[in-house]
Amino acid sequence: MPTSPPRRLHLNAFLMNAGHHDAAWRHPRTQPERVTDLRYFQELARTAERGLLDSVFLADGLALWGKVRHNALGGFEPLTLLSALAAVTEHIGLIATVSTTFNEPFHTARKFASLDHISGGRAGWNIVTSGTVDEARNFGQDEHLEHGLRYERAREFVEVAVKLWDSWEDDAILLDRERGVYADTDKVHEINHRGAHFGVQGPLNVPRGPQGHPLLVQAGSSEDGKEFAARYAEAVFTAQQTLADGQSFYKDLKSRLARHGRAEDDLRILPGICPVLGSTEAEARALEQELTDLQVPEYGLAQLSGMLGTDLTGLPLDGPLPELPEERDINGNKSRFTLVAELARRDGLTLRELIARLGGGRGHRVFAGTPEQTADQLEEWFTHGAADGFNIMAPHLPGGLDDFVDQVVPILQRRGLFRTEYTGRTLREHYGLPRPGGRPSVPAAAAPERRT
């Protein structure tokens, strides 16, 4: 009887300008002057590929996040950048955030189909609904759409994008020079979508990509977010602070898949971790303290205010959090609000301590230790039902990613937990996920959307 291959970790490098710590740009190991230097990001992508990671990921927002006075913020639009990274890499997956609230399905589907062709099948879409009023105000709106309505729009958005990717059948292009027939128009279809939010005729003006559909990634962990992920997502970036919380989220989300006709193995769950590495534990702790000492409290307080939907300006840094609203009254990122509030209450943190705790990961887990200790942590979560892999958030760049690739990855490989070579070509193959079958042909007489 054939045996299934051993389960292996999936690792994504989440690239963030000078690094994920909010004071990274002040540290001598970083290069904040290069955040709009293409070669810098090409070097990071090649480092991740040297480590055989599944993918790199670029987050995005449609406003200038945070206080640019105190952090290296702003930079490239992610799809533009990933197209340039595709040209200097061969294997690494390329994942970008695009909002369903402030975009349209047609041009989003077109951009990702283009990236999938450009990269030879390595595109991934991190689907977000956007979470801030600043983004809304850049698109002619005084307030942000209500949380539930954002997800309602997102569901229809994704369904339209999928229809568009499937509007060309895989074998639609004939290239018959002799007869003068480029494409079989019985295999290029209008989608004629009419819904509550979108009206899209189609077909897409890009043939079906190497992966069929780009890998669909999602990062919200609210109730709406988990239901959305269970229905559509193939990978989930999430944030949990403890093994027990990770196990609870993992079990909850996987248990929802069957209701949507999906198997548990159809979805990969990757908690975020910010690994602060040192050759000894004391060295790692010292680096963590160096970064904390470089924090600007004004910046951290503004970030925390945004996460909690509560203006904390002027409150004493060595005092506790004030009374907070309920999650149901928050119209931003509900899951991050709850995580941060519970972290502060559980550990009895002052505002100053909470700012320090969030500096490296903005709610994602920060772990300071040796490469061996870091590998132990990843293995524990992976083997105890809390993760299928991890979203690696280097606290400082480029060195933090180099350290992880050169010091932690070899340990995971020796333990048989991570690949020693790329065996697939596409991002879906890296994640062990099938290529969607696409739209079957129908007889011409039954196809009113046929285009000639």
Protein backbone atom coordinates (compact mmCIF):
# COMPACT_ATOMS: atom_id res chain seq x y z
CA MET A 1 0.00 0.00 0.00
CA PRO A 2 1.56 3.35 -1.01
CA THR A 3 2.52 5.68 1.82
CA SER A 4 1.83 9.39 1.69
CA PRO A 5 4.88 11.68 1.62
CA PRO A 6 5.91 13.13 4.99
CA ARG A 7 4.21 16.35 5.99
CA ARG A 8 6.53 19.32 5.44
CA LEU A 9 6.52 22.89 6.70
CA HIS A 10 5.59 25.77 4.42
CA LEU A 11 7.56 28.97 4.94
CA ASN A 12 6.70 32.43 3.62
CA ALA A 13 8.96 35.47 3.96
CA PHE A 14 6.89 38.56 4.78
CA LEU A 15 9.04 41.45 3.50
CA MET A 16 8.61 44.82 5.20
CA ASN A 17 10.96 47.66 4.15
CA ALA A 18 13.68 47.82 6.83
CA GLY A 19 12.17 44.93 8.81
CA HIS A 20 9.14 44.22 10.95
CA HIS A 21 10.28 45.90 14.13
CA ASP A 22 8.99 49.46 14.14
CA ALA A 23 12.44 50.73 15.15
CA ALA A 24 14.38 48.54 12.69
CA TRP A 25 15.19 51.49 10.44
CA ARG A 26 17.26 53.05 13.26
CA HIS A 27 19.38 49.92 13.77
CA PRO A 28 22.82 49.86 12.10
CA ARG A 29 22.13 46.46 10.49
CA THR A 30 19.35 47.88 8.28
CA GLN A 31 19.29 49.90 5.06
CA PRO A 32 16.24 52.22 5.21
CA GLU A 33 17.67 54.38 2.43
CA ARG A 34 16.94 51.45 0.05
CA VAL A 35 13.18 51.01 0.55
CA THR A 36 12.58 52.27 -3.00
CA ASP A 37 15.62 50.51 -4.45
CA LEU A 38 14.55 47.62 -6.68
CA ARG A 39 17.88 45.85 -6.22
CA TYR A 40 17.31 45.69 -2.45
CA PHE A 41 14.08 43.74 -2.84
CA GLN A 42 15.59 41.57 -5.56
CA GLU A 43 18.36 40.63 -3.11
CA LEU A 44 15.76 39.78 -0.44
CA ALA A 45 13.78 37.63 -2.86
CA ARG A 46 16.90 35.77 -3.93
CA THR A 47 17.80 35.18 -0.28
CA ALA A 48 14.36 33.67 0.34
CA GLU A 49 14.77 31.52 -2.77
CA ARG A 50 18.23 30.41 -1.62
CA GLY A 51 16.50 29.20 1.55
CA LEU A 52 13.96 27.26 -0.60
CA LEU A 53 11.07 29.17 0.97
CA ASP A 54 7.65 28.72 -0.58
CA SER A 55 6.98 32.40 -1.16
CA VAL A 56 7.61 36.03 -0.41
CA PHE A 57 4.74 38.30 0.56
CA LEU A 58 4.21 42.06 0.29
CA ALA A 59 1.49 43.62 2.42
CA ASP A 60 -0.22 46.77 1.18
CA GLY A 61 -2.59 49.50 2.20
CA LEU A 62 -4.17 52.33 0.28
CA ALA A 63 -3.09 55.06 2.67
CA LEU A 64 0.20 56.02 4.31
CA TRP A 65 0.15 53.83 7.43
CA GLY A 66 1.45 55.14 10.73
CA LYS A 67 3.57 58.20 11.46
CA VAL A 68 6.12 58.55 8.67
CA ARG A 69 7.96 61.01 10.94
CA HIS A 70 9.14 58.02 13.01
CA ASN A 71 9.31 55.01 10.66
CA ALA A 72 10.46 54.05 7.15
CA LEU A 73 6.97 53.80 5.68
CA GLY A 74 5.64 53.91 2.14
CA GLY A 75 7.24 52.36 -0.91
CA PHE A 76 6.41 50.26 -3.93
CA GLU A 77 3.00 49.13 -5.12
CA PRO A 78 3.32 45.35 -4.65
CA LEU A 79 2.23 43.93 -8.01
CA THR A 80 4.61 46.28 -9.83
CA LEU A 81 7.44 45.17 -7.56
CA LEU A 82 6.62 41.44 -7.77
CA SER A 83 6.71 41.58 -11.56
CA ALA A 84 10.28 42.86 -11.27
CA LEU A 85 11.15 40.18 -8.71
CA ALA A 86 9.78 37.50 -11.04
CA ALA A 87 12.47 38.41 -13.55
CA VAL A 88 15.37 37.61 -11.19
CA THR A 89 13.98 34.47 -9.49
CA GLU A 90 12.89 31.07 -10.76
CA HIS A 91 11.01 29.27 -7.99
CA ILE A 92 9.89 31.52 -5.14
CA GLY A 93 6.17 32.30 -4.96
CA LEU A 94 5.10 35.96 -5.22
CA ILE A 95 2.15 37.04 -3.05
CA ALA A 96 0.65 40.54 -2.99
CA THR A 97 -2.13 42.16 -0.99
CA VAL A 98 -4.96 43.72 -3.00
CA SER A 99 -8.10 45.13 -1.38
CA THR A 100 -11.58 44.09 -2.49
CA THR A 101 -13.06 47.30 -1.08
CA PHE A 102 -11.17 49.84 -3.20
CA ASN A 103 -10.61 47.89 -6.42
CA GLU A 104 -12.71 46.23 -9.12
CA PRO A 105 -12.68 42.51 -9.96
CA PHE A 106 -11.80 42.91 -13.64
CA HIS A 107 -8.56 44.79 -13.29
CA THR A 108 -7.56 42.77 -10.19
CA ALA A 109 -8.11 39.50 -12.05
CA ARG A 110 -6.18 40.89 -15.02
CA LYS A 111 -3.19 41.97 -12.93
CA PHE A 112 -2.88 38.64 -11.13
CA ALA A 113 -3.33 36.65 -14.34
CA SER A 114 -0.56 38.79 -15.86
CA LEU A 115 1.76 38.19 -12.88
CA ASP A 116 1.04 34.46 -13.08
CA HIS A 117 2.14 34.40 -16.73
CA ILE A 118 5.14 36.68 -16.12
CA SER A 119 6.37 34.45 -13.27
CA GLY A 120 5.56 31.10 -14.84
CA GLY A 121 2.87 30.25 -12.28
CA ARG A 122 4.05 31.83 -9.04
CA ALA A 123 1.36 34.45 -8.29
CA GLY A 124 -0.65 34.64 -5.07
CA TRP A 125 -3.32 37.11 -3.96
CA ASN A 126 -3.69 38.08 -0.31
CA ILE A 127 -7.33 39.13 -0.20
CA VAL A 128 -8.12 41.94 2.26
CA THR A 129 -11.16 44.15 2.78
CA SER A 130 -9.08 47.09 4.13
CA GLY A 131 -9.43 48.27 7.68
CA THR A 132 -8.95 52.02 8.03
CA VAL A 133 -10.92 55.19 7.50
CA ASP A 134 -7.81 56.80 5.97
CA GLU A 135 -8.09 54.37 3.07
CA ALA A 136 -11.77 55.18 2.62
CA ARG A 137 -10.97 58.89 2.51
CA ASN A 138 -8.55 58.31 -0.36
CA PHE A 139 -11.47 56.98 -2.39
CA GLY A 140 -14.08 59.68 -1.88
CA GLN A 141 -15.70 58.18 1.21
CA ASP A 142 -16.00 59.89 4.58
CA GLU A 143 -16.30 56.63 6.50
CA HIS A 144 -15.26 53.03 5.95
CA LEU A 145 -17.81 50.47 4.80
CA GLU A 146 -19.28 48.46 7.66
CA HIS A 147 -17.29 45.28 8.47
CA GLY A 148 -19.98 42.78 7.42
CA LEU A 149 -20.68 44.68 4.20
CA ARG A 150 -16.97 44.67 3.33
CA TYR A 151 -16.95 40.88 3.53
CA GLU A 152 -20.18 40.63 1.55
CA ARG A 153 -18.54 42.65 -1.21
CA ALA A 154 -15.35 40.56 -0.92
CA ARG A 155 -17.23 37.31 -1.45
CA GLU A 156 -18.79 38.53 -4.69
CA PHE A 157 -15.48 40.11 -5.77
CA VAL A 158 -13.60 36.80 -5.48
CA GLU A 159 -16.34 34.87 -7.25
CA VAL A 160 -16.21 37.32 -10.18
CA ALA A 161 -12.40 37.10 -10.32
CA VAL A 162 -12.54 33.30 -10.44
CA LYS A 163 -15.11 33.40 -13.25
CA LEU A 164 -12.83 35.75 -15.16
CA TRP A 165 -9.77 33.51 -14.72
CA ASP A 166 -11.89 30.62 -16.00
CA SER A 167 -13.34 32.60 -18.92
CA TRP A 168 -10.57 31.21 -21.13
CA GLU A 169 -10.33 27.43 -21.23
CA ASP A 170 -6.81 25.99 -21.00
CA ASP A 171 -6.75 24.92 -24.64
CA ALA A 172 -8.49 28.00 -26.11
CA ILE A 173 -5.39 29.19 -27.98
CA LEU A 174 -4.96 27.19 -31.21
CA LEU A 175 -2.21 29.18 -32.98
CA ASP A 176 -3.35 27.75 -36.30
CA ARG A 177 -1.37 29.93 -38.71
CA GLU A 178 -2.48 27.99 -41.77
CA ARG A 179 -6.21 28.59 -41.17
CA GLY A 180 -5.69 32.01 -39.60
CA VAL A 181 -7.25 30.94 -36.29
CA TYR A 182 -5.52 32.19 -33.14
CA ALA A 183 -8.12 31.10 -30.56
CA ASP A 184 -11.13 28.80 -30.47
CA THR A 185 -13.89 31.25 -29.61
CA ASP A 186 -16.09 28.40 -28.34
CA LYS A 187 -13.58 28.26 -25.50
CA VAL A 188 -13.49 31.98 -24.64
CA HIS A 189 -16.57 32.91 -22.63
CA GLU A 190 -18.39 35.97 -21.42
CA ILE A 191 -19.25 35.59 -17.74
CA ASN A 192 -22.24 37.97 -17.74
CA HIS A 193 -22.13 38.49 -14.00
CA ARG A 194 -24.83 40.67 -12.44
CA GLY A 195 -24.74 40.86 -8.65
CA ALA A 196 -25.36 43.17 -5.71
CA HIS A 197 -21.99 44.91 -6.08
CA PHE A 198 -20.64 44.16 -9.56
CA GLY A 199 -21.71 43.87 -13.16
CA VAL A 200 -19.03 42.27 -15.33
CA GLN A 201 -19.49 40.97 -18.86
CA GLY A 202 -16.08 39.41 -19.55
CA PRO A 203 -14.23 37.55 -20.81
CA LEU A 204 -10.90 38.50 -19.26
CA ASN A 205 -8.41 39.91 -21.74
CA VAL A 206 -5.64 37.63 -20.46
CA PRO A 207 -5.62 33.88 -21.25
CA ARG A 208 -5.86 31.45 -18.33
CA GLY A 209 -2.67 31.46 -16.29
CA PRO A 210 -0.23 28.60 -15.61
CA GLN A 211 -1.82 27.98 -12.18
CA GLY A 212 -5.40 28.35 -13.42
CA HIS A 213 -6.06 30.65 -10.47
CA PRO A 214 -3.40 32.46 -8.44
CA LEU A 215 -3.05 31.05 -4.93
CA LEU A 216 -5.78 32.65 -2.78
CA VAL A 217 -4.52 33.87 0.59
CA GLN A 218 -6.45 35.54 3.40
CA ALA A 219 -5.40 37.13 6.67
CA GLY A 220 -8.49 38.13 8.69
CA SER A 221 -9.35 36.12 11.79
CA SER A 222 -12.67 37.67 12.80
CA GLU A 223 -15.81 35.54 12.53
CA ASP A 224 -16.49 37.01 9.08
CA GLY A 225 -12.84 36.48 8.17
CA LYS A 226 -12.79 32.82 9.22
CA GLU A 227 -15.95 32.04 7.28
CA PHE A 228 -14.51 33.79 4.23
CA ALA A 229 -11.27 31.80 4.58
CA ALA A 230 -13.13 28.51 4.96
CA ARG A 231 -14.98 29.16 1.72
CA TYR A 232 -12.27 30.65 -0.50
CA ALA A 233 -8.76 30.72 0.99
CA GLU A 234 -6.01 28.24 0.21
CA ALA A 235 -3.52 29.73 2.66
CA VAL A 236 -4.17 31.87 5.74
CA PHE A 237 -1.75 34.27 7.40
CA THR A 238 -2.78 34.59 11.03
CA ALA A 239 -1.55 35.91 14.38
CA GLN A 240 -1.61 33.97 17.64
CA GLN A 241 0.53 34.52 20.72
CA THR A 242 0.41 31.09 22.38
CA LEU A 243 0.44 27.46 21.29
CA ALA A 244 -3.01 26.96 22.82
CA ASP A 245 -4.41 29.92 20.87
CA GLY A 246 -2.77 28.61 17.70
CA GLN A 247 -4.26 25.15 18.22
CA SER A 248 -7.70 26.61 18.87
CA PHE A 249 -7.63 28.76 15.72
CA TYR A 250 -6.26 25.89 13.61
CA LYS A 251 -8.95 23.45 14.79
CA ASP A 252 -11.73 26.01 14.41
CA LEU A 253 -10.82 27.04 10.87
CA LYS A 254 -10.14 23.52 9.61
CA SER A 255 -13.47 22.35 11.04
CA ARG A 256 -15.35 24.92 8.94
CA LEU A 257 -14.08 23.62 5.59
CA ALA A 258 -16.43 20.63 5.28
CA ARG A 259 -19.46 22.95 5.24
CA HIS A 260 -18.10 24.37 1.99
CA GLY A 261 -17.37 20.99 0.42
CA ARG A 262 -13.65 21.22 1.15
CA ALA A 263 -11.15 18.91 2.85
CA GLU A 264 -8.90 20.03 5.71
CA ASP A 265 -5.86 19.60 3.46
CA ASP A 266 -7.26 22.19 1.01
CA LEU A 267 -6.07 25.02 3.28
CA ARG A 268 -2.66 25.88 4.74
CA ILE A 269 -2.52 27.87 8.00
CA LEU A 270 0.63 29.95 8.58
CA PRO A 271 0.87 31.90 11.86
CA GLY A 272 3.23 34.85 11.86
CA ILE A 273 6.44 34.72 13.86
CA CYS A 274 9.09 37.43 14.27
CA PRO A 275 12.31 35.55 15.10
CA VAL A 276 14.95 37.61 16.88
CA LEU A 277 18.04 35.44 16.47
CA GLY A 278 21.34 35.30 18.31
CA SER A 279 24.14 32.75 18.66
CA THR A 280 23.11 32.49 22.32
CA GLU A 281 19.83 33.24 24.04
CA ALA A 282 21.49 36.17 25.82
CA GLU A 283 22.64 37.59 22.47
CA ALA A 284 19.12 37.30 21.06
CA ARG A 285 17.65 39.00 24.12
CA ALA A 286 20.21 41.77 23.83
CA LEU A 287 19.24 42.39 20.18
CA GLU A 288 15.58 42.45 21.17
CA GLN A 289 16.38 45.04 23.85
CA GLU A 290 18.45 47.11 21.39
CA LEU A 291 15.42 47.34 19.11
CA THR A 292 13.10 48.17 22.01
CA ASP A 293 15.45 50.93 23.17
CA LEU A 294 15.26 52.49 19.68
CA GLN A 295 11.45 52.72 19.72
CA VAL A 296 9.79 56.13 19.55
CA PRO A 297 6.91 56.00 22.07
CA GLU A 298 4.85 58.52 20.07
CA TYR A 299 4.93 56.18 17.08
CA GLY A 300 4.02 53.10 19.11
CA LEU A 301 1.16 54.92 20.81
CA ALA A 302 -0.28 55.99 17.46
CA GLN A 303 0.00 52.41 16.14
CA LEU A 304 -1.68 51.07 19.27
CA SER A 305 -4.46 53.65 19.00
CA GLY A 306 -5.15 52.44 15.47
CA MET A 307 -5.22 48.78 16.48
CA LEU A 308 -7.61 49.44 19.34
CA GLY A 309 -9.83 52.04 17.69
CA THR A 310 -9.22 54.24 20.73
CA ASP A 311 -7.23 57.48 20.93
CA LEU A 312 -4.52 56.90 23.54
CA THR A 313 -2.73 60.23 22.97
CA GLY A 314 -1.60 61.86 26.21
CA LEU A 315 -2.21 58.84 28.45
CA PRO A 316 0.63 57.96 30.86
CA LEU A 317 2.93 55.38 29.27
CA ASP A 318 3.43 53.61 32.59
CA GLY A 319 -0.30 53.30 33.21
CA PRO A 320 -2.72 50.58 32.08
CA LEU A 321 -4.92 50.48 29.00
CA PRO A 322 -8.10 52.51 29.40
CA GLU A 323 -11.55 50.97 29.14
CA LEU A 324 -11.98 49.69 25.58
CA PRO A 325 -15.03 49.22 23.36
CA GLU A 326 -16.36 45.73 22.61
CA GLU A 327 -15.10 43.95 19.49
CA ARG A 328 -18.58 44.16 17.96
CA ASP A 329 -18.29 47.97 18.03
CA ILE A 330 -14.97 48.01 16.15
CA ASN A 331 -15.17 48.65 12.38
CA GLY A 332 -11.46 48.08 11.71
CA ASN A 333 -9.47 44.87 12.17
CA LYS A 334 -11.59 43.03 14.74
CA SER A 335 -9.30 40.06 15.29
CA ARG A 336 -6.20 42.21 15.87
CA PHE A 337 -8.16 44.41 18.31
CA THR A 338 -9.12 41.37 20.38
CA LEU A 339 -5.62 39.86 20.29
CA VAL A 340 -3.97 43.07 21.52
CA ALA A 341 -6.59 43.74 24.20
CA GLU A 342 -6.31 40.19 25.54
CA LEU A 343 -2.50 40.31 25.51
CA ALA A 344 -2.52 43.47 27.63
CA ARG A 345 -5.06 42.06 30.09
CA ARG A 346 -3.49 38.59 30.34
CA ASP A 347 0.01 39.88 31.11
CA GLY A 348 -1.02 43.06 32.98
CA LEU A 349 0.97 45.28 30.63
CA THR A 350 1.34 49.03 30.84
CA LEU A 351 1.09 51.07 27.65
CA ARG A 352 4.90 51.26 27.48
CA GLU A 353 5.23 47.48 27.91
CA LEU A 354 2.51 46.82 25.34
CA ILE A 355 4.22 49.11 22.79
CA ALA A 356 7.47 47.20 23.38
CA ARG A 357 5.72 43.83 23.05
CA LEU A 358 4.06 44.83 19.77
CA GLY A 359 7.12 46.52 18.25
CA GLY A 360 8.37 43.45 16.41
CA GLY A 361 5.18 41.89 15.17
CA ARG A 362 2.18 44.22 15.64
CA GLY A 363 0.39 41.37 17.38
CA HIS A 364 2.21 38.48 15.75
CA ARG A 365 4.35 36.34 18.01
CA VAL A 366 7.89 37.55 18.68
CA PHE A 367 10.42 34.93 19.74
CA ALA A 368 13.98 35.74 20.81
CA GLY A 369 16.41 32.83 20.94
CA THR A 370 19.03 30.75 19.19
CA PRO A 371 18.42 29.15 15.80
CA GLU A 372 17.97 25.78 17.55
CA GLN A 373 15.41 27.21 19.98
CA THR A 374 13.58 28.90 17.11
CA ALA A 375 13.46 25.63 15.17
CA ASP A 376 12.11 23.94 18.32
CA GLN A 377 9.28 26.47 18.48
CA LEU A 378 8.37 26.01 14.82
CA GLU A 379 8.46 22.24 15.18
CA GLU A 380 6.27 22.31 18.30
CA TRP A 381 3.54 24.37 16.65
CA PHE A 382 3.77 22.33 13.43
CA THR A 383 3.59 18.92 15.12
CA HIS A 384 1.00 19.88 17.77
CA GLY A 385 -1.83 21.04 15.51
CA ALA A 386 -1.24 24.80 15.46
CA ALA A 387 0.32 25.39 12.03
CA ASP A 388 0.99 24.04 8.56
CA GLY A 389 3.87 26.48 8.24
CA PHE A 390 4.86 29.99 9.20
CA ASN A 391 4.86 33.57 7.98
CA ILE A 392 8.45 34.60 8.76
CA MET A 393 8.63 38.27 9.76
CA ALA A 394 12.31 39.19 10.06
CA PRO A 395 12.62 41.95 12.68
CA HIS A 396 15.36 43.67 10.67
CA LEU A 397 16.32 43.40 7.00
CA PRO A 398 18.31 42.24 5.19
CA GLY A 399 20.25 40.53 8.03
CA GLY A 400 17.27 39.00 9.80
CA LEU A 401 16.24 37.08 6.69
CA ASP A 402 19.85 36.01 6.00
CA ASP A 403 20.10 34.72 9.58
CA PHE A 404 16.88 32.71 9.28
CA VAL A 405 17.83 31.21 5.91
CA ASP A 406 21.42 30.40 6.88
CA GLN A 407 20.86 29.28 10.48
CA VAL A 408 17.28 28.06 11.04
CA VAL A 409 16.41 26.49 7.68
CA PRO A 410 19.31 23.97 7.80
CA ILE A 411 18.13 22.76 11.22
CA LEU A 412 14.60 22.25 9.90
CA GLN A 413 16.04 20.38 6.92
CA ARG A 414 18.14 18.09 9.14
CA ARG A 415 15.00 17.28 11.12
CA GLY A 416 13.16 16.33 7.93
CA LEU A 417 10.65 19.15 8.40
CA PHE A 418 11.50 21.25 5.35
CA ARG A 419 12.41 20.67 1.72
CA THR A 420 16.01 20.31 0.59
CA GLU A 421 15.17 21.23 -3.01
CA TYR A 422 12.26 22.65 -4.96
CA THR A 423 10.31 19.79 -6.51
CA GLY A 424 7.59 21.92 -8.12
CA ARG A 425 7.56 24.86 -10.46
CA THR A 426 4.45 26.77 -9.36
CA LEU A 427 3.40 28.34 -6.09
CA ARG A 428 0.51 25.87 -5.85
CA GLU A 429 2.99 23.01 -6.16
CA HIS A 430 5.15 24.47 -3.39
CA TYR A 431 2.10 24.55 -1.09
CA GLY A 432 0.99 21.08 -2.18
CA LEU A 433 -2.28 22.34 -3.63
CA PRO A 434 -3.94 21.24 -6.88
CA ARG A 435 -4.42 23.35 -9.98
CA PRO A 436 -8.13 24.27 -10.39
CA GLY A 437 -9.72 22.43 -13.28
CA GLY A 438 -11.36 25.44 -14.87
CA ARG A 439 -14.49 25.68 -16.94
CA PRO A 440 -15.51 22.65 -19.03
CA SER A 441 -16.41 23.16 -22.66
CA VAL A 442 -20.09 23.26 -23.54
CA PRO A 443 -21.62 22.67 -26.97
CA ALA A 444 -21.79 25.84 -29.05
CA ALA A 445 -25.60 25.69 -29.19
CA ALA A 446 -25.76 25.89 -25.39
CA ALA A 447 -23.27 28.74 -25.10
CA PRO A 448 -25.07 32.08 -25.59
CA GLU A 449 -21.97 33.95 -24.38
CA ARG A 450 -19.84 32.70 -27.28
CA ARG A 451 -17.67 35.45 -28.76
CA THR A 452 -16.70 35.47 -32.43
